[in-house]
Amino acid sequence: MHPDTAKQYGISDGDAVVIETKHGQIMQFAKLKDSLDRRVLNADHGWWYPEGAPETQFEWQKSNFNMLTSTETLGKEYGTPNLKAIGCKIRRDA
């Protein structure tokens, strides 16, 4: 995220950040880059925790951005959920 956006929300580089949409929420770590637009948050995909329990599939739902989208409205060409330009809220994780 842009450093100005991070400052607005009290977030520093490396802080745990909660990203929330109407479909769900995840936690990722802030990486500040002034090359991003101040209105844009770029989330990583494919997160999982190898130290997590196999019974919970290594806690993939905790930080995987697939939790922020929905299959209610699918793309016409491929039948996939929207993975770009999703409105969200952010906050520093307590």
Protein backbone atom coordinates (compact mmCIF):
# COMPACT_ATOMS: atom_id res chain seq x y z
CA MET A 1 0.00 0.00 0.00
CA HIS A 2 1.07 3.59 -0.46
CA PRO A 3 2.88 5.07 2.59
CA ASP A 4 0.36 7.95 2.81
CA THR A 5 -2.53 5.48 2.97
CA ALA A 6 -0.73 3.45 5.61
CA LYS A 7 -0.11 6.59 7.69
CA GLN A 8 -3.80 7.51 7.46
CA TYR A 9 -4.68 4.16 9.09
CA GLY A 10 -1.79 4.06 11.57
CA ILE A 11 -0.07 1.23 9.70
CA SER A 12 3.70 0.80 9.42
CA ASP A 13 5.75 -1.39 7.10
CA GLY A 14 5.54 -5.00 8.31
CA ASP A 15 2.41 -4.50 10.47
CA ALA A 16 -0.33 -7.11 10.41
CA VAL A 17 -3.29 -5.65 8.51
CA VAL A 18 -6.88 -6.89 8.36
CA ILE A 19 -8.42 -6.58 4.89
CA GLU A 20 -12.21 -6.84 4.89
CA THR A 21 -14.92 -6.99 2.22
CA LYS A 22 -18.61 -7.80 2.45
CA HIS A 23 -17.67 -11.45 1.82
CA GLY A 24 -14.99 -11.97 4.43
CA GLN A 25 -11.73 -10.85 5.95
CA ILE A 26 -8.09 -11.88 5.94
CA MET A 27 -4.84 -10.82 7.57
CA GLN A 28 -1.68 -9.95 5.64
CA PHE A 29 1.45 -7.93 6.38
CA ALA A 30 1.93 -4.37 5.13
CA LYS A 31 4.53 -3.66 2.48
CA LEU A 32 4.72 0.06 1.70
CA LYS A 33 5.47 1.25 -1.85
CA ASP A 34 5.02 4.79 -3.12
CA SER A 35 4.58 3.46 -6.69
CA LEU A 36 1.01 2.36 -5.85
CA ASP A 37 -1.95 4.67 -6.16
CA ARG A 38 -3.08 5.89 -2.72
CA ARG A 39 -6.51 4.30 -3.33
CA VAL A 40 -5.11 0.84 -4.18
CA LEU A 41 -4.25 -2.05 -1.91
CA ASN A 42 -2.42 -4.95 -3.51
CA ALA A 43 -2.97 -8.24 -1.65
CA ASP A 44 -0.88 -11.38 -2.13
CA HIS A 45 -2.58 -14.58 -3.25
CA GLY A 46 -2.00 -18.19 -2.34
CA TRP A 47 -1.12 -17.74 1.33
CA TRP A 48 -0.95 -20.67 3.70
CA TYR A 49 1.02 -21.52 6.83
CA PRO A 50 3.24 -24.60 6.59
CA GLU A 51 3.49 -24.58 10.39
CA GLY A 52 -0.33 -24.79 10.63
CA ALA A 53 -2.29 -27.92 11.33
CA PRO A 54 -3.00 -30.30 8.44
CA GLU A 55 -6.55 -30.70 9.83
CA THR A 56 -7.24 -27.04 8.96
CA GLN A 57 -5.40 -27.34 5.64
CA PHE A 58 -2.53 -25.24 7.02
CA GLU A 59 -4.79 -22.26 7.88
CA TRP A 60 -5.06 -21.15 4.25
CA GLN A 61 -8.30 -19.24 4.96
CA LYS A 62 -6.54 -16.88 7.41
CA SER A 63 -4.69 -14.89 4.73
CA ASN A 64 -5.74 -16.11 1.29
CA PHE A 65 -7.48 -13.35 -0.68
CA ASN A 66 -9.97 -15.81 -2.13
CA MET A 67 -11.80 -15.27 1.17
CA LEU A 68 -12.54 -11.68 0.06
CA THR A 69 -14.52 -12.57 -3.02
CA SER A 70 -17.63 -14.54 -3.85
CA THR A 71 -18.85 -17.06 -6.37
CA GLU A 72 -22.27 -15.35 -6.54
CA THR A 73 -21.21 -13.27 -9.57
CA LEU A 74 -18.87 -15.17 -11.85
CA GLY A 75 -16.97 -14.01 -14.91
CA LYS A 76 -18.75 -14.92 -18.13
CA GLU A 77 -15.70 -16.27 -19.95
CA TYR A 78 -14.20 -18.56 -17.32
CA GLY A 79 -16.76 -18.78 -14.52
CA THR A 80 -14.34 -17.32 -11.99
CA PRO A 81 -14.98 -14.85 -9.17
CA ASN A 82 -13.85 -11.24 -9.38
CA LEU A 83 -10.28 -10.98 -8.13
CA LYS A 84 -9.57 -7.33 -9.02
CA ALA A 85 -10.96 -3.95 -8.05
CA ILE A 86 -12.78 -5.21 -4.97
CA GLY A 87 -13.80 -2.48 -2.53
CA CYS A 88 -12.42 -3.13 0.94
CA LYS A 89 -11.76 -1.74 4.40
CA ILE A 90 -8.42 -2.01 6.16
CA ARG A 91 -7.23 -1.70 9.73
CA ARG A 92 -4.13 -2.52 11.69
CA ASP A 93 -4.54 -5.89 13.40
CA ALA A 94 -4.70 -5.56 17.17
